[in-house]
């Protein structure tokens, strides 16, 4: 299971912009993009969203 900030939420996008301005070089991917990366490796990913700004990507091993 991968826990990531949900980049589809406005607050998370604001934080991502602030990190870019601070030259932190971090990247925030949308949960669907992470799911596609996992699918490219031949596994199935399920995306679960939290009530605020979290998303979980669950991979069936």
N, C-alpha and C. Protein backbone atom coordinates (compact mmCIF):
# COMPACT_ATOMS: atom_id res chain seq x y z
N UNK A 1 0.85 -1.17 0.00
CA UNK A 1 0.00 0.00 0.00
C UNK A 1 0.90 1.24 0.00
N UNK A 2 0.53 2.19 -0.84
CA UNK A 2 1.26 3.45 -0.95
C UNK A 2 0.32 4.55 -0.48
N UNK A 3 0.78 5.39 0.42
CA UNK A 3 -0.01 6.54 0.87
C UNK A 3 0.63 7.80 0.30
N UNK A 4 -0.16 8.54 -0.44
CA UNK A 4 0.34 9.75 -1.11
C UNK A 4 -0.66 10.88 -0.92
N UNK A 5 -0.18 12.13 -1.02
CA UNK A 5 -1.14 13.24 -1.04
C UNK A 5 -1.96 13.16 -2.33
N UNK A 6 -3.24 13.45 -2.22
CA UNK A 6 -4.14 13.36 -3.37
C UNK A 6 -4.03 14.64 -4.20
N UNK A 7 -3.31 14.57 -5.30
CA UNK A 7 -3.03 15.74 -6.14
C UNK A 7 -4.27 16.26 -6.86
N UNK A 8 -5.40 15.59 -6.71
CA UNK A 8 -6.62 16.13 -7.30
C UNK A 8 -7.27 17.16 -6.37
N UNK A 9 -6.76 17.27 -5.16
CA UNK A 9 -7.30 18.24 -4.19
C UNK A 9 -6.58 19.58 -4.32
N UNK A 10 -7.33 20.66 -4.21
CA UNK A 10 -6.78 22.00 -4.40
C UNK A 10 -5.67 22.32 -3.40
N UNK A 11 -5.85 21.95 -2.15
CA UNK A 11 -4.86 22.25 -1.12
C UNK A 11 -3.53 21.57 -1.43
N UNK A 12 -3.58 20.35 -1.90
CA UNK A 12 -2.36 19.62 -2.23
C UNK A 12 -1.66 20.29 -3.41
N UNK A 13 -2.43 20.77 -4.37
CA UNK A 13 -1.81 21.47 -5.51
C UNK A 13 -1.13 22.75 -5.06
N UNK A 14 -1.73 23.46 -4.10
CA UNK A 14 -1.09 24.67 -3.57
C UNK A 14 0.24 24.33 -2.89
N UNK A 15 0.26 23.26 -2.14
CA UNK A 15 1.49 22.83 -1.48
C UNK A 15 2.54 22.46 -2.52
N UNK A 16 2.13 21.79 -3.58
CA UNK A 16 3.07 21.41 -4.65
C UNK A 16 3.67 22.66 -5.30
N UNK A 17 2.86 23.68 -5.52
CA UNK A 17 3.37 24.92 -6.11
C UNK A 17 4.35 25.59 -5.15
N UNK A 18 4.02 25.61 -3.86
CA UNK A 18 4.91 26.21 -2.87
C UNK A 18 6.25 25.48 -2.83
N UNK A 19 6.23 24.16 -2.96
CA UNK A 19 7.47 23.39 -2.97
C UNK A 19 8.29 23.70 -4.22
N UNK A 20 7.65 23.91 -5.35
CA UNK A 20 8.38 24.29 -6.56
C UNK A 20 9.02 25.66 -6.40
N UNK A 21 8.29 26.61 -5.81
CA UNK A 21 8.83 27.95 -5.58
C UNK A 21 10.04 27.88 -4.64
N UNK A 22 9.99 26.97 -3.67
CA UNK A 22 11.09 26.79 -2.73
C UNK A 22 12.22 25.94 -3.31
N UNK A 23 12.10 25.57 -4.58
CA UNK A 23 13.11 24.76 -5.29
C UNK A 23 13.39 23.43 -4.60
N UNK A 24 12.34 22.78 -4.11
CA UNK A 24 12.51 21.51 -3.40
C UNK A 24 12.62 20.31 -4.32
N UNK A 25 12.30 20.45 -5.59
CA UNK A 25 12.39 19.38 -6.58
C UNK A 25 11.50 18.17 -6.29
N UNK A 26 10.51 18.33 -5.45
CA UNK A 26 9.61 17.21 -5.20
C UNK A 26 8.54 17.17 -6.29
N UNK A 27 7.96 16.00 -6.48
CA UNK A 27 6.92 15.81 -7.48
C UNK A 27 5.71 15.19 -6.80
N UNK A 28 4.54 15.69 -7.17
CA UNK A 28 3.29 15.14 -6.66
C UNK A 28 2.53 14.60 -7.86
N UNK A 29 2.31 13.29 -7.86
CA UNK A 29 1.58 12.63 -8.95
C UNK A 29 0.14 12.39 -8.52
N UNK A 30 -0.75 12.43 -9.48
CA UNK A 30 -2.15 12.07 -9.22
C UNK A 30 -2.22 10.57 -8.95
N UNK A 31 -3.13 10.14 -8.09
CA UNK A 31 -3.25 8.71 -7.79
C UNK A 31 -3.46 7.86 -9.05
N UNK A 32 -4.21 8.39 -10.02
CA UNK A 32 -4.44 7.64 -11.26
C UNK A 32 -3.14 7.44 -12.03
N UNK A 33 -2.26 8.43 -12.01
CA UNK A 33 -0.97 8.31 -12.69
C UNK A 33 -0.11 7.24 -12.03
N UNK A 34 -0.14 7.19 -10.71
CA UNK A 34 0.62 6.16 -10.00
C UNK A 34 0.03 4.78 -10.32
N UNK A 35 -1.30 4.70 -10.40
CA UNK A 35 -1.95 3.45 -10.77
C UNK A 35 -1.54 2.99 -12.16
N UNK A 36 -1.40 3.93 -13.09
CA UNK A 36 -0.95 3.58 -14.45
C UNK A 36 0.50 3.10 -14.45
N UNK A 37 1.34 3.71 -13.61
CA UNK A 37 2.73 3.26 -13.50
C UNK A 37 2.79 1.82 -13.00
N UNK A 38 1.94 1.51 -12.04
CA UNK A 38 1.89 0.15 -11.50
C UNK A 38 1.34 -0.82 -12.54
N UNK A 39 0.31 -0.39 -13.27
CA UNK A 39 -0.28 -1.24 -14.32
C UNK A 39 0.73 -1.53 -15.42
N UNK A 40 1.62 -0.58 -15.69
CA UNK A 40 2.65 -0.80 -16.71
C UNK A 40 3.60 -1.92 -16.30
N UNK A 41 3.67 -2.20 -15.01
CA UNK A 41 4.50 -3.30 -14.50
C UNK A 41 3.74 -4.61 -14.42
N UNK A 42 2.46 -4.58 -14.85
CA UNK A 42 1.69 -5.82 -14.91
C UNK A 42 0.91 -6.15 -13.66
N UNK A 43 0.75 -5.18 -12.75
CA UNK A 43 -0.01 -5.44 -11.54
C UNK A 43 -1.27 -4.57 -11.52
N UNK A 44 -2.20 -4.94 -10.68
CA UNK A 44 -3.46 -4.22 -10.58
C UNK A 44 -3.42 -3.32 -9.35
N UNK A 45 -3.80 -2.06 -9.53
CA UNK A 45 -3.81 -1.11 -8.43
C UNK A 45 -5.23 -0.61 -8.19
N UNK A 46 -5.59 -0.52 -6.93
CA UNK A 46 -6.89 0.03 -6.54
C UNK A 46 -6.62 1.34 -5.81
N UNK A 47 -7.36 2.37 -6.16
CA UNK A 47 -7.17 3.69 -5.56
C UNK A 47 -8.28 3.94 -4.55
N UNK A 48 -7.88 4.27 -3.34
CA UNK A 48 -8.83 4.63 -2.28
C UNK A 48 -8.51 6.04 -1.82
N UNK A 49 -9.52 6.84 -1.68
CA UNK A 49 -9.31 8.24 -1.27
C UNK A 49 -9.75 8.43 0.18
N UNK A 50 -8.98 9.25 0.89
CA UNK A 50 -9.32 9.60 2.26
C UNK A 50 -10.31 10.76 2.29
N UNK A 51 -10.68 11.16 3.48
CA UNK A 51 -11.68 12.21 3.61
C UNK A 51 -11.09 13.61 3.46
N UNK A 52 -9.79 13.76 3.48
CA UNK A 52 -9.20 15.09 3.37
C UNK A 52 -8.28 15.19 2.17
N UNK A 53 -7.03 14.86 2.35
CA UNK A 53 -6.07 15.08 1.26
C UNK A 53 -5.19 13.87 0.99
N UNK A 54 -5.59 12.71 1.44
CA UNK A 54 -4.79 11.51 1.24
C UNK A 54 -5.43 10.57 0.23
N UNK A 55 -4.56 9.82 -0.43
CA UNK A 55 -5.03 8.74 -1.30
C UNK A 55 -4.14 7.53 -1.04
N UNK A 56 -4.73 6.37 -1.10
CA UNK A 56 -3.98 5.14 -0.93
C UNK A 56 -4.05 4.37 -2.23
N UNK A 57 -2.92 3.88 -2.67
CA UNK A 57 -2.86 3.03 -3.86
C UNK A 57 -2.52 1.64 -3.35
N UNK A 58 -3.47 0.74 -3.49
CA UNK A 58 -3.33 -0.63 -2.98
C UNK A 58 -3.02 -1.54 -4.16
N UNK A 59 -1.91 -2.27 -4.05
CA UNK A 59 -1.48 -3.17 -5.11
C UNK A 59 -1.68 -4.60 -4.63
N UNK A 60 -2.37 -5.39 -5.44
CA UNK A 60 -2.58 -6.79 -5.11
C UNK A 60 -1.36 -7.57 -5.54
N UNK A 61 -0.69 -8.17 -4.58
CA UNK A 61 0.56 -8.89 -4.88
C UNK A 61 0.32 -10.29 -5.37
